[in-house]
Structure formats: C-alpha cells, structure tokens
Amino acid sequence: MDLIHLAQALLLGIVEGLTEFLPISSTGHLILVGDWIGFESTDGKVFEVVIQLGAILAVCWLYRARVMRLLLGLAQGQPSERRFALTLILAFLPAAVVGALAIDFIKAHLFQPLVVATTLILGGLVLLWVERRTTRPVTTAVDALSLRQALIVGLAQCFALIPGTSRSGATIVGGLLAGLSRPAAAEFSFFLAMPTMLGAAVYDGWRHHHLLAREDLAAIAIGFVAAFVSALLVVKALVRFVAHHSFRPFAWYRIVLGLLVLAWFAPEALRGGTA
C-alpha cells in the first residue's frame, strides 16, 4: 500500500471538507491542490464524488433535527414544511437542469487552473461588491424565504457549475442579493447543498462506478472520513463567524489566491500556446 498516495488522499479530503461550505470553491481547490501534489487515481471521478459525499453528510448530521422536522412535517401535511420544501426544490432545479445539459462540456474544457484562477478573482470582486451594498436584509430566517428569493438563489447556483466559482459562494451571493441576512444566506446554502450535492454524487457515481478499482478503496475511505470531519468543524465555525462578520475576508482570499495561481500557471500556458 502506497503511504504517499494515502497521505495525498487524506490531504484532499481535508481540503474538500474545509472548502466545500466556504465561499472559496472546493472544486477549484481540489483541482489546484491535486495538480500541485500530482495526485493520480485509477478511480477517475469516483474519489472526488465520495469525498464530496462525506462533506454533505456532515451537514446532514449537523442539521439532522431540522431535516427530520421537515420530513415529518411533509408526511403530516404541514403547510410550513411543504412551503420550505418548495423553496428548496425551486432553488435546486435551475442548476440541476443546466448541469445535466452542460456537465460534459464543462468537465472537458473548464476544469483547468487558469479557469479556476479567473473565476476565483471574479467571484471575489462580486462578493466585495455585494458586501458594499447598504440594503438592509428583509429576511433573517430560512423558513421565511419567499419563492422569488429561492428562485434567485437557484439561478445564482448555476454559476457554480464553472470551476472556481464556488457553489456556496454563488448561493450566498444570490441570497444576499435577494434580501437575506448573512446567517440566513449561509444556512439556506447549507440546506440547498443537501439535494444538490447528493443528486450530483448519485449521478456522477452511477456514471463512473465502473472506474472504481479495489486498490483505491483505502484512499477513498480516508478521503471520505477526512472530508466529513473537517466539514463538521467548518460549518459550525462559519455559522458563528457570519453572525458577527462580513464575507470580505473570503473575497480577498479568493482574489489573492487567484492572482497567485495566474502568476504560477499563466507563463506555462503561454509557453504551451506558442510551442
């Protein structure tokens, strides 16, 4: 068993858990870190799918009481829970449709460091612009979300299909533009991640399960556990942070990281283009 390979899987699992629910792009970080450490696996996309599943299960665990209340409320026909479920469905559908139509093109042409660098910078600038707006939030609880607000968040999530944009970043920005408070925007982003990421994991897992090799099971298991544990810590910390602070630190982090990536990969890309 290759200990270096297992250590790489551990590192990528930690990166996934730390970045999935922060507005800094987990996919972008996985592309950059994977390229940096030279991580290679015979399982194709299965490794990425499974560690993302570990991160989303962490959120499901943290919000298990609210999820159970939603499921029981739907079974009992409670109007408030039906309405909350409708907002989640409405926010989920746009990215699901666009993703199903464009995912092959996106993975074939956009999963590269320079695209990640560009979207990191642009996303950081958008986040700074949104934070400079002085509009007072009109919704401070996810249960009070309107259908219009849910649709705005759902449309914003479509941009997250581009690597480096960040699913949580796009949905949080959409929530802020729709009039949600920072805590409400972050919390709705967590809830929306459950159907979005579970759906993506099942879809990608079904498409790529034939690439799974027995020798990769240990690395997959390590990455899964690392993503689960690190995501648990990040979600708790983010909820506490946004209750008292803005998203500006994440915006500046995105911009600085994007510029560093451009400085690192741009000369190589130019050399390749002139060869």
Protein backbone atom coordinates (compact mmCIF):
# COMPACT_ATOMS: atom_id res chain seq x y z
CA MET A 1 0.00 0.00 0.00
CA ASP A 2 1.43 3.36 -1.07
CA LEU A 3 1.57 5.56 2.02
CA ILE A 4 2.25 8.65 -0.09
CA HIS A 5 -0.92 8.02 -2.08
CA LEU A 6 -2.92 7.62 1.15
CA ALA A 7 -1.42 10.83 2.54
CA GLN A 8 -2.44 12.64 -0.64
CA ALA A 9 -5.98 11.28 -0.28
CA LEU A 10 -6.06 12.47 3.34
CA LEU A 11 -4.93 15.95 2.30
CA LEU A 12 -7.52 16.20 -0.47
CA GLY A 13 -10.25 15.01 1.89
CA ILE A 14 -9.32 17.73 4.36
CA VAL A 15 -9.25 20.33 1.56
CA GLU A 16 -12.71 19.23 0.39
CA GLY A 17 -14.21 19.43 3.88
CA LEU A 18 -12.59 22.78 4.66
CA THR A 19 -13.63 24.47 1.42
CA GLU A 20 -16.97 22.94 0.40
CA PHE A 21 -19.13 25.25 2.51
CA LEU A 22 -16.92 28.33 2.43
CA PRO A 23 -17.41 30.77 -0.48
CA ILE A 24 -13.96 29.95 -1.90
CA SER A 25 -14.64 26.97 -4.24
CA SER A 26 -13.94 23.41 -3.15
CA THR A 27 -13.68 22.16 -6.76
CA GLY A 28 -11.16 24.87 -7.55
CA HIS A 29 -9.05 23.96 -4.53
CA LEU A 30 -9.21 20.25 -5.37
CA ILE A 31 -8.03 20.97 -8.92
CA LEU A 32 -5.20 23.20 -7.71
CA VAL A 33 -4.05 21.00 -4.81
CA GLY A 34 -4.43 17.80 -6.85
CA ASP A 35 -2.32 19.32 -9.62
CA TRP A 36 0.25 20.56 -7.10
CA ILE A 37 0.76 17.21 -5.33
CA GLY A 38 0.41 15.14 -8.51
CA PHE A 39 -2.49 13.06 -7.19
CA GLU A 40 -3.47 10.29 -9.58
CA SER A 41 -6.00 7.54 -9.07
CA THR A 42 -7.43 4.78 -11.24
CA ASP A 43 -10.91 5.52 -9.88
CA GLY A 44 -11.42 8.54 -12.16
CA LYS A 45 -14.10 10.82 -10.70
CA VAL A 46 -15.26 8.36 -8.03
CA PHE A 47 -12.77 9.65 -5.46
CA GLU A 48 -13.99 13.24 -5.86
CA VAL A 49 -17.64 12.15 -5.69
CA VAL A 50 -17.16 10.14 -2.49
CA ILE A 51 -15.26 12.81 -0.58
CA GLN A 52 -17.90 15.38 -1.56
CA LEU A 53 -20.47 12.95 -0.20
CA GLY A 54 -18.53 12.91 3.07
CA ALA A 55 -18.76 16.69 3.28
CA ILE A 56 -22.50 16.81 2.60
CA LEU A 57 -23.21 14.05 5.11
CA ALA A 58 -21.51 16.25 7.71
CA VAL A 59 -24.13 18.95 7.07
CA CYS A 60 -26.92 16.37 7.14
CA TRP A 61 -25.66 15.27 10.55
CA LEU A 62 -25.38 18.79 11.94
CA TYR A 63 -28.90 19.70 10.75
CA ARG A 64 -30.43 16.27 11.36
CA ALA A 65 -33.08 17.66 13.75
CA ARG A 66 -34.25 20.21 11.15
CA VAL A 67 -34.19 17.59 8.39
CA MET A 68 -36.28 15.21 10.50
CA ARG A 69 -38.74 18.01 11.27
CA LEU A 70 -39.04 18.71 7.55
CA LEU A 71 -39.63 15.04 6.68
CA LEU A 72 -42.15 14.54 9.46
CA GLY A 73 -43.90 17.79 8.57
CA LEU A 74 -44.19 16.72 4.93
CA ALA A 75 -45.59 13.34 5.98
CA GLN A 76 -48.14 15.10 8.20
CA GLY A 77 -49.01 17.66 5.54
CA GLN A 78 -47.86 20.72 7.49
CA PRO A 79 -48.15 23.83 5.24
CA SER A 80 -45.00 25.49 6.63
CA GLU A 81 -42.83 22.44 5.87
CA ARG A 82 -44.39 21.99 2.44
CA ARG A 83 -43.58 25.60 1.66
CA PHE A 84 -39.97 25.22 2.86
CA ALA A 85 -39.59 22.08 0.74
CA LEU A 86 -40.96 24.02 -2.24
CA THR A 87 -38.33 26.73 -1.82
CA LEU A 88 -35.60 24.06 -1.80
CA ILE A 89 -36.99 22.41 -4.93
CA LEU A 90 -37.30 25.74 -6.72
CA ALA A 91 -33.72 26.66 -5.82
CA PHE A 92 -32.42 23.22 -6.78
CA LEU A 93 -33.96 22.86 -10.25
CA PRO A 94 -32.08 25.51 -12.32
CA ALA A 95 -28.60 24.13 -11.64
CA ALA A 96 -29.86 20.55 -11.96
CA VAL A 97 -31.20 21.23 -15.46
CA VAL A 98 -28.22 23.28 -16.65
CA GLY A 99 -25.78 20.81 -15.10
CA ALA A 100 -27.36 17.80 -16.78
CA LEU A 101 -27.14 19.55 -20.17
CA ALA A 102 -23.67 21.08 -19.87
CA ILE A 103 -21.64 18.98 -17.40
CA ASP A 104 -19.69 17.06 -20.06
CA PHE A 105 -18.65 20.26 -21.82
CA ILE A 106 -17.71 21.90 -18.51
CA LYS A 107 -15.56 18.99 -17.36
CA ALA A 108 -13.90 18.67 -20.76
CA HIS A 109 -12.98 22.34 -21.22
CA LEU A 110 -13.18 24.26 -17.93
CA PHE A 111 -11.51 22.01 -15.34
CA GLN A 112 -8.13 23.71 -15.53
CA PRO A 113 -6.09 26.01 -13.25
CA LEU A 114 -6.38 29.17 -15.36
CA VAL A 115 -10.18 28.97 -15.42
CA VAL A 116 -10.16 28.43 -11.66
CA ALA A 117 -7.88 31.43 -11.15
CA THR A 118 -10.09 33.70 -13.25
CA THR A 119 -13.32 32.71 -11.54
CA LEU A 120 -11.71 32.96 -8.10
CA ILE A 121 -10.82 36.59 -8.81
CA LEU A 122 -14.14 37.49 -10.41
CA GLY A 123 -16.06 35.81 -7.60
CA GLY A 124 -14.06 37.71 -5.02
CA LEU A 125 -14.82 41.01 -6.73
CA VAL A 126 -18.53 40.18 -6.87
CA LEU A 127 -18.52 39.27 -3.18
CA LEU A 128 -16.87 42.62 -2.32
CA TRP A 129 -19.43 44.46 -4.43
CA VAL A 130 -22.33 42.69 -2.73
CA GLU A 131 -20.92 43.44 0.71
CA ARG A 132 -20.63 47.16 -0.15
CA ARG A 133 -24.35 47.40 -0.83
CA THR A 134 -26.17 49.09 2.03
CA THR A 135 -29.54 47.39 1.50
CA ARG A 136 -31.00 46.15 4.77
CA PRO A 137 -31.95 42.44 4.69
CA VAL A 138 -35.66 41.72 4.60
CA THR A 139 -35.42 38.03 5.56
CA THR A 140 -33.49 36.78 8.58
CA ALA A 141 -34.70 33.15 8.77
CA VAL A 142 -34.64 30.43 6.10
CA ASP A 143 -38.20 29.40 6.98
CA ALA A 144 -39.42 32.84 5.85
CA LEU A 145 -37.83 32.62 2.39
CA SER A 146 -40.15 33.62 -0.45
CA LEU A 147 -40.42 31.67 -3.69
CA ARG A 148 -38.93 34.61 -5.57
CA GLN A 149 -35.91 34.65 -3.25
CA ALA A 150 -35.49 30.90 -3.63
CA LEU A 151 -35.52 31.22 -7.42
CA ILE A 152 -32.86 33.97 -7.31
CA VAL A 153 -30.63 31.72 -5.20
CA GLY A 154 -31.26 28.83 -7.59
CA LEU A 155 -30.33 30.87 -10.64
CA ALA A 156 -27.18 32.08 -8.89
CA GLN A 157 -26.22 28.47 -8.16
CA CYS A 158 -25.97 27.83 -11.92
CA PHE A 159 -22.77 29.89 -12.00
CA ALA A 160 -21.22 27.40 -9.57
CA LEU A 161 -21.02 24.86 -12.39
CA ILE A 162 -17.95 26.78 -13.56
CA PRO A 163 -14.91 25.55 -11.55
CA GLY A 164 -13.60 28.15 -9.13
CA THR A 165 -16.91 29.96 -8.74
CA SER A 166 -17.96 28.09 -5.56
CA ARG A 167 -21.40 26.61 -5.01
CA SER A 168 -21.67 28.09 -1.54
CA GLY A 169 -20.27 31.41 -2.76
CA ALA A 170 -22.79 31.64 -5.61
CA THR A 171 -25.76 30.73 -3.43
CA ILE A 172 -24.69 33.05 -0.62
CA VAL A 173 -24.29 35.95 -3.08
CA GLY A 174 -27.67 35.09 -4.56
CA GLY A 175 -29.18 35.07 -1.10
CA LEU A 176 -27.67 38.44 -0.18
CA LEU A 177 -28.90 39.98 -3.44
CA ALA A 178 -32.35 38.53 -2.77
CA GLY A 179 -32.53 40.26 0.61
CA LEU A 180 -31.41 37.53 3.01
CA SER A 181 -29.27 38.29 6.02
CA ARG A 182 -25.76 36.78 6.08
CA PRO A 183 -26.68 33.99 8.54
CA ALA A 184 -29.87 33.17 6.59
CA ALA A 185 -28.00 33.14 3.27
CA ALA A 186 -25.35 30.80 4.68
CA GLU A 187 -27.89 28.50 6.30
CA PHE A 188 -30.05 28.24 3.18
CA SER A 189 -26.87 27.47 1.24
CA PHE A 190 -26.27 24.54 3.61
CA PHE A 191 -29.80 23.21 3.16
CA LEU A 192 -29.64 23.62 -0.62
CA ALA A 193 -26.35 21.74 -0.66
CA MET A 194 -28.10 18.57 0.54
CA PRO A 195 -30.26 17.85 -2.55
CA THR A 196 -27.76 19.48 -4.93
CA MET A 197 -24.67 17.58 -3.82
CA LEU A 198 -26.47 14.33 -3.05
CA GLY A 199 -28.00 14.43 -6.53
CA ALA A 200 -24.64 15.20 -8.13
CA ALA A 201 -22.93 12.44 -6.13
CA VAL A 202 -25.50 9.82 -7.13
CA TYR A 203 -25.43 10.93 -10.78
CA ASP A 204 -21.63 11.04 -11.03
CA GLY A 205 -21.23 7.86 -9.00
CA TRP A 206 -23.60 6.00 -11.33
CA ARG A 207 -21.79 7.30 -14.42
CA HIS A 208 -18.28 6.47 -13.20
CA HIS A 209 -18.72 3.45 -10.90
CA HIS A 210 -17.07 1.19 -13.49
CA LEU A 211 -13.80 3.10 -12.95
CA LEU A 212 -13.64 2.09 -9.30
CA ALA A 213 -10.65 -0.14 -8.55
CA ARG A 214 -10.17 -2.25 -5.42
CA GLU A 215 -6.73 -0.78 -4.75
CA ASP A 216 -8.31 2.68 -4.41
CA LEU A 217 -10.79 1.76 -1.67
CA ALA A 218 -8.43 2.66 1.19
CA ALA A 219 -7.68 6.09 -0.30
CA ILE A 220 -11.39 6.72 -0.91
CA ALA A 221 -12.26 5.75 2.68
CA ILE A 222 -9.56 8.03 4.10
CA GLY A 223 -10.66 10.95 1.93
CA PHE A 224 -14.31 10.41 2.89
CA VAL A 225 -13.63 10.46 6.64
CA ALA A 226 -11.29 13.45 6.36
CA ALA A 227 -13.90 15.43 4.41
CA PHE A 228 -16.65 14.51 6.89
CA VAL A 229 -14.68 15.58 9.98
CA SER A 230 -13.24 18.78 8.52
CA ALA A 231 -16.65 19.82 7.13
CA LEU A 232 -18.21 19.37 10.57
CA LEU A 233 -15.72 21.84 12.01
CA VAL A 234 -16.05 24.37 9.18
CA VAL A 235 -19.85 24.57 9.13
CA LYS A 236 -20.03 25.23 12.87
CA ALA A 237 -17.31 27.88 12.63
CA LEU A 238 -18.87 29.58 9.58
CA VAL A 239 -22.28 29.94 11.26
CA ARG A 240 -20.63 31.63 14.24
CA PHE A 241 -18.46 33.82 12.02
CA VAL A 242 -21.15 35.23 9.72
CA ALA A 243 -23.34 36.14 12.67
CA HIS A 244 -20.86 38.92 13.50
CA HIS A 245 -18.67 39.45 10.41
CA SER A 246 -18.94 40.06 6.68
CA PHE A 247 -17.74 37.81 3.85
CA ARG A 248 -14.96 40.25 2.88
CA PRO A 249 -12.10 38.08 4.22
CA PHE A 250 -13.20 35.27 1.91
CA ALA A 251 -13.43 37.71 -1.01
CA TRP A 252 -9.86 38.94 -0.51
CA TYR A 253 -8.63 35.36 -0.05
CA ARG A 254 -10.17 34.45 -3.41
CA ILE A 255 -8.57 37.42 -5.17
CA VAL A 256 -5.10 36.83 -3.71
CA LEU A 257 -5.21 33.08 -4.43
CA GLY A 258 -6.45 33.70 -7.97
CA LEU A 259 -3.63 36.14 -8.67
CA LEU A 260 -1.06 33.68 -7.31
CA VAL A 261 -2.44 30.90 -9.48
CA LEU A 262 -2.37 33.15 -12.53
CA ALA A 263 1.23 34.09 -11.83
CA TRP A 264 2.15 30.42 -11.46
CA PHE A 265 0.28 28.86 -14.41
CA ALA A 266 -0.01 31.69 -16.96
CA PRO A 267 3.64 31.56 -18.14
CA GLU A 268 3.34 27.79 -18.61
CA ALA A 269 0.11 28.20 -20.58
CA LEU A 270 1.68 30.88 -22.77
CA ARG A 271 4.68 28.67 -23.47
CA GLY A 272 2.34 25.84 -24.41
CA GLY A 273 0.35 28.13 -26.67
CA THR A 274 3.46 29.34 -28.54
CA ALA A 275 5.08 25.94 -28.85
